N, C-alpha and C. Protein backbone atom coordinates (compact mmCIF):
# COMPACT_ATOMS: atom_id res chain seq x y z
N UNK A 1 -37.70 -52.17 -49.47
CA UNK A 1 -38.17 -51.10 -48.68
C UNK A 1 -39.52 -50.15 -49.33
N UNK A 2 -40.51 -50.68 -48.63
CA UNK A 2 -41.58 -49.92 -49.29
C UNK A 2 -41.70 -48.93 -49.37
N UNK A 3 -43.48 -48.37 -50.02
CA UNK A 3 -43.80 -46.86 -49.51
C UNK A 3 -44.25 -46.74 -48.73
N UNK A 4 -44.47 -47.56 -48.14
CA UNK A 4 -45.23 -47.47 -46.40
C UNK A 4 -43.58 -46.49 -45.54
N UNK A 5 -42.26 -47.34 -45.72
CA UNK A 5 -40.86 -47.24 -45.04
C UNK A 5 -40.71 -45.93 -45.55
N UNK A 6 -41.06 -45.94 -46.78
CA UNK A 6 -40.12 -44.76 -47.90
C UNK A 6 -40.78 -43.54 -47.22
N UNK A 7 -42.30 -43.46 -47.23
CA UNK A 7 -43.16 -42.40 -46.49
C UNK A 7 -43.16 -42.11 -44.82
N UNK A 8 -43.12 -43.13 -44.19
CA UNK A 8 -42.47 -43.49 -42.54
C UNK A 8 -41.39 -42.16 -43.02
N UNK A 9 -39.92 -42.40 -43.56
CA UNK A 9 -39.10 -41.74 -43.25
C UNK A 9 -38.84 -40.52 -43.60
N UNK A 10 -39.66 -40.11 -45.14
CA UNK A 10 -39.38 -38.66 -45.48
C UNK A 10 -40.83 -37.69 -44.32
N UNK A 11 -41.36 -38.43 -43.51
CA UNK A 11 -42.53 -37.83 -42.97
C UNK A 11 -41.74 -37.55 -41.53
N UNK A 12 -40.66 -38.01 -41.47
CA UNK A 12 -39.84 -37.90 -40.11
C UNK A 12 -38.93 -36.99 -40.33
N UNK A 13 -38.03 -37.14 -41.38
CA UNK A 13 -37.08 -36.09 -41.36
C UNK A 13 -37.43 -34.77 -41.55
N UNK A 14 -38.85 -34.39 -42.53
CA UNK A 14 -39.78 -32.90 -42.23
C UNK A 14 -39.70 -32.55 -41.20
N UNK A 15 -40.63 -33.35 -40.28
CA UNK A 15 -40.81 -33.39 -38.80
C UNK A 15 -39.41 -32.71 -38.17
N UNK A 16 -38.69 -33.89 -38.15
CA UNK A 16 -37.52 -33.57 -37.18
C UNK A 16 -36.86 -32.32 -37.84
N UNK A 17 -36.72 -31.89 -39.13
CA UNK A 17 -36.13 -30.09 -38.81
C UNK A 17 -37.04 -29.37 -39.33
N UNK A 18 -38.27 -28.92 -38.41
CA UNK A 18 -39.51 -28.23 -39.37
C UNK A 18 -38.72 -26.81 -38.29
N UNK A 19 -38.40 -27.34 -36.63
CA UNK A 19 -38.03 -26.41 -35.92
C UNK A 19 -36.83 -25.66 -36.18
N UNK A 20 -35.78 -26.20 -37.06
CA UNK A 20 -34.93 -25.39 -37.09
C UNK A 20 -34.09 -24.45 -37.80
N UNK A 21 -35.17 -24.02 -38.92
CA UNK A 21 -34.84 -22.77 -39.12
C UNK A 21 -35.33 -21.60 -38.19
N UNK A 22 -36.25 -22.00 -37.01
CA UNK A 22 -36.62 -21.02 -36.11
C UNK A 22 -35.45 -20.86 -35.31
N UNK A 23 -35.24 -22.15 -35.31
CA UNK A 23 -33.57 -22.30 -33.96
C UNK A 23 -32.83 -21.51 -34.68
N UNK A 24 -32.38 -21.51 -35.90
CA UNK A 24 -31.47 -20.56 -36.39
C UNK A 24 -32.05 -18.92 -36.72
N UNK A 25 -32.75 -19.17 -36.73
CA UNK A 25 -33.72 -17.59 -36.25
C UNK A 25 -32.98 -17.00 -35.32
N UNK A 26 -33.49 -17.08 -34.53
CA UNK A 26 -33.44 -16.45 -32.92
C UNK A 26 -31.74 -16.76 -32.41
N UNK A 27 -30.44 -17.69 -33.17
CA UNK A 27 -29.58 -17.60 -33.18
C UNK A 27 -28.93 -17.05 -33.75
N UNK A 28 -29.57 -16.45 -34.70
CA UNK A 28 -28.43 -15.28 -35.86
C UNK A 28 -28.55 -13.89 -35.27
N UNK A 29 -30.25 -13.70 -35.29
CA UNK A 29 -30.70 -12.55 -34.71
C UNK A 29 -30.84 -12.41 -33.74
N UNK A 30 -30.74 -13.07 -32.42
CA UNK A 30 -30.49 -12.79 -30.61
C UNK A 30 -31.55 -12.51 -30.06
N UNK A 31 -32.15 -12.54 -30.80
CA UNK A 31 -33.96 -11.85 -30.55
C UNK A 31 -35.29 -13.09 -30.80
N UNK A 32 -36.02 -13.27 -29.60
CA UNK A 32 -37.05 -14.41 -29.61
C UNK A 32 -38.27 -13.85 -29.51
N UNK A 33 -39.07 -12.61 -29.50
CA UNK A 33 -40.04 -11.85 -28.85
C UNK A 33 -41.40 -12.81 -30.03
N UNK A 34 -40.85 -12.80 -31.25
CA UNK A 34 -42.10 -13.47 -31.10
C UNK A 34 -41.88 -15.16 -31.24
N UNK A 35 -41.65 -15.84 -31.00
CA UNK A 35 -41.73 -17.32 -30.72
C UNK A 35 -42.71 -17.42 -29.51
N UNK A 36 -43.65 -18.50 -29.43
CA UNK A 36 -44.27 -18.39 -28.55
C UNK A 36 -43.98 -20.10 -27.56
N UNK A 37 -43.82 -19.69 -26.28
CA UNK A 37 -43.64 -20.82 -24.87
C UNK A 37 -44.18 -21.66 -25.17
N UNK A 38 -45.28 -20.85 -25.43
CA UNK A 38 -46.93 -22.30 -25.12
C UNK A 38 -46.79 -23.07 -25.93
N UNK A 39 -47.09 -22.10 -27.53
CA UNK A 39 -46.39 -23.67 -28.74
C UNK A 39 -45.12 -25.00 -28.01
N UNK A 40 -44.22 -24.18 -27.77
CA UNK A 40 -43.04 -24.98 -27.69
C UNK A 40 -43.26 -25.87 -26.16
N UNK A 41 -43.87 -25.35 -24.95
CA UNK A 41 -44.05 -26.75 -24.15
C UNK A 41 -45.46 -27.29 -24.48
N UNK A 42 -46.28 -26.67 -25.64
CA UNK A 42 -46.93 -28.51 -25.88
C UNK A 42 -46.99 -28.84 -26.92
N UNK A 43 -45.51 -28.77 -27.77
CA UNK A 43 -45.12 -29.43 -28.87
C UNK A 43 -43.70 -30.16 -27.85
N UNK A 44 -43.34 -29.99 -27.04
CA UNK A 44 -42.36 -30.58 -26.23
C UNK A 44 -43.00 -31.74 -26.05
N UNK A 45 -44.41 -31.52 -25.16
CA UNK A 45 -44.74 -32.76 -24.78
C UNK A 45 -45.59 -34.07 -25.24
N UNK A 46 -45.84 -33.29 -26.53
CA UNK A 46 -45.82 -34.11 -27.42
C UNK A 46 -45.43 -34.99 -28.21
N UNK A 47 -43.67 -34.18 -28.78
CA UNK A 47 -42.46 -34.42 -28.98
C UNK A 47 -42.52 -35.97 -27.78
N UNK A 48 -42.45 -35.72 -26.61
CA UNK A 48 -41.61 -36.87 -25.33
C UNK A 48 -42.88 -37.71 -25.43
N UNK A 49 -44.00 -37.77 -25.83
CA UNK A 49 -45.31 -39.09 -25.57
C UNK A 49 -44.79 -39.83 -27.01
N UNK A 50 -44.68 -38.80 -28.64
CA UNK A 50 -43.87 -39.78 -29.55
C UNK A 50 -42.89 -40.77 -29.14
N UNK A 51 -42.17 -40.31 -28.33
CA UNK A 51 -40.46 -40.82 -28.11
C UNK A 51 -41.13 -41.87 -27.09
N UNK A 52 -41.87 -41.55 -26.59
CA UNK A 52 -41.46 -42.89 -25.36
C UNK A 52 -43.25 -44.02 -26.25
N UNK A 53 -44.27 -43.77 -27.00
CA UNK A 53 -44.60 -44.53 -28.15
C UNK A 53 -43.31 -45.28 -29.13
N UNK A 54 -42.50 -44.43 -29.29
CA UNK A 54 -41.70 -45.17 -29.97
C UNK A 54 -40.72 -46.42 -29.56
N UNK A 55 -40.52 -46.25 -28.71
CA UNK A 55 -39.52 -47.07 -27.62
C UNK A 55 -41.09 -47.81 -27.10
N UNK A 56 -41.93 -48.02 -26.83
CA UNK A 56 -42.83 -48.79 -26.53
C UNK A 56 -43.42 -49.79 -27.62
N UNK A 57 -42.66 -49.18 -28.90
CA UNK A 57 -43.46 -49.92 -29.76
C UNK A 57 -42.07 -50.13 -30.65
N UNK A 58 -40.75 -49.81 -30.30
CA UNK A 58 -39.66 -50.70 -30.22
C UNK A 58 -39.17 -50.14 -32.19
N UNK A 59 -39.72 -48.99 -32.53
CA UNK A 59 -39.80 -48.43 -33.91
C UNK A 59 -38.89 -47.58 -34.12
N UNK A 60 -37.59 -47.56 -34.35
CA UNK A 60 -36.12 -46.93 -34.61
C UNK A 60 -36.83 -45.38 -35.59
N UNK A 61 -37.92 -45.97 -36.28
CA UNK A 61 -37.46 -44.20 -36.68
C UNK A 61 -38.53 -43.41 -36.00
N UNK A 62 -39.34 -43.45 -35.60
CA UNK A 62 -40.05 -43.02 -34.92
C UNK A 62 -39.37 -42.72 -33.58
N UNK A 63 -38.58 -43.74 -32.92
CA UNK A 63 -38.07 -42.91 -32.03
C UNK A 63 -36.67 -41.98 -32.26
N UNK A 64 -35.81 -42.42 -33.36
CA UNK A 64 -35.37 -41.53 -33.77
C UNK A 64 -35.25 -39.92 -33.97
N UNK A 65 -36.49 -39.28 -35.30
CA UNK A 65 -37.20 -38.56 -35.23
C UNK A 65 -37.48 -37.89 -34.18
N UNK A 66 -38.28 -38.17 -33.05
CA UNK A 66 -39.33 -37.49 -32.24
C UNK A 66 -37.96 -37.14 -30.97
N UNK A 67 -36.76 -38.12 -30.93
CA UNK A 67 -35.91 -37.24 -30.06
C UNK A 67 -34.72 -36.30 -30.58
N UNK A 68 -34.60 -36.59 -31.69
CA UNK A 68 -33.97 -35.57 -32.65
C UNK A 68 -35.08 -34.06 -32.40
N UNK A 69 -36.20 -34.29 -32.79
CA UNK A 69 -37.14 -33.04 -32.79
C UNK A 69 -37.08 -32.56 -31.50
N UNK A 70 -36.89 -33.57 -30.78
CA UNK A 70 -37.22 -33.35 -28.64
C UNK A 70 -35.96 -32.27 -29.25
N UNK A 71 -34.78 -32.62 -28.86
CA UNK A 71 -33.58 -31.78 -28.98
C UNK A 71 -33.69 -30.52 -29.56
N UNK A 72 -33.80 -30.28 -30.99
CA UNK A 72 -34.27 -29.05 -31.29
C UNK A 72 -35.54 -28.51 -30.24
N UNK A 73 -36.58 -28.80 -30.45
CA UNK A 73 -37.10 -27.81 -29.37
C UNK A 73 -36.86 -27.81 -27.35
N UNK A 74 -35.91 -27.99 -27.39
CA UNK A 74 -35.37 -28.15 -25.93
C UNK A 74 -34.36 -27.31 -26.56
N UNK A 75 -33.99 -27.03 -27.97
CA UNK A 75 -32.53 -26.22 -27.77
C UNK A 75 -33.49 -24.88 -28.27
N UNK A 76 -34.81 -24.78 -28.64
CA UNK A 76 -35.07 -23.55 -29.12
C UNK A 76 -35.73 -22.74 -27.83
N UNK A 77 -36.46 -23.59 -26.72
CA UNK A 77 -36.92 -23.22 -26.01
C UNK A 77 -35.54 -22.69 -24.71
N UNK A 78 -34.87 -23.19 -24.90
CA UNK A 78 -33.85 -22.41 -24.27
C UNK A 78 -33.24 -21.02 -24.72
N UNK A 79 -32.81 -21.07 -25.82
CA UNK A 79 -32.72 -19.96 -27.01
C UNK A 79 -33.99 -18.36 -27.11
N UNK A 80 -34.83 -18.93 -26.81
CA UNK A 80 -36.30 -18.31 -26.18
C UNK A 80 -36.46 -17.65 -24.98
N UNK A 81 -35.68 -18.25 -24.58
CA UNK A 81 -35.92 -17.56 -22.66
C UNK A 81 -33.94 -16.47 -23.30
N UNK A 82 -33.53 -16.79 -23.31
CA UNK A 82 -32.09 -16.39 -23.12
C UNK A 82 -31.89 -15.32 -23.78
N UNK A 83 -32.76 -14.52 -25.09
CA UNK A 83 -32.90 -13.84 -25.80
C UNK A 83 -34.27 -13.16 -26.29
N UNK A 84 -34.73 -13.83 -24.90
CA UNK A 84 -36.08 -12.73 -25.06
C UNK A 84 -35.71 -11.19 -24.44
N UNK A 85 -36.76 -10.41 -25.04
CA UNK A 85 -36.16 -8.77 -24.06
C UNK A 85 -36.69 -8.80 -22.85
N UNK A 86 -36.54 -8.23 -22.39
CA UNK A 86 -37.10 -7.76 -21.06
C UNK A 86 -37.85 -6.45 -21.30
N UNK A 87 -38.55 -6.32 -20.25
CA UNK A 87 -39.01 -4.69 -19.71
C UNK A 87 -38.61 -3.90 -18.93
C-alpha cells in the first residue's frame, strides 16, 4: 500500500464520519434547531455525485466512503426534520 492509497483511505474515513457527531447530538437531545437543511441538501447532492463518480471510475474507496456519508447525511436530514421545533 503506497502513500497515495493511505492518504485516500484516511481522507475517506474522516469525511465519512464528519456528520456522526451532529447526528448523535440530534438523537441525544431530540432537538435539531441549529441544523441547516440547506447545508444538508447541498452536502447530499455532492455526496450523491461523488458516489456516481466513484461508480463510473470503479473506485471502491470513493464508492464506499461517499455511500456511507450519504447514509449518515440522509439520517441526519430525517432526524433534523423529525426533531425540528414547530412554532
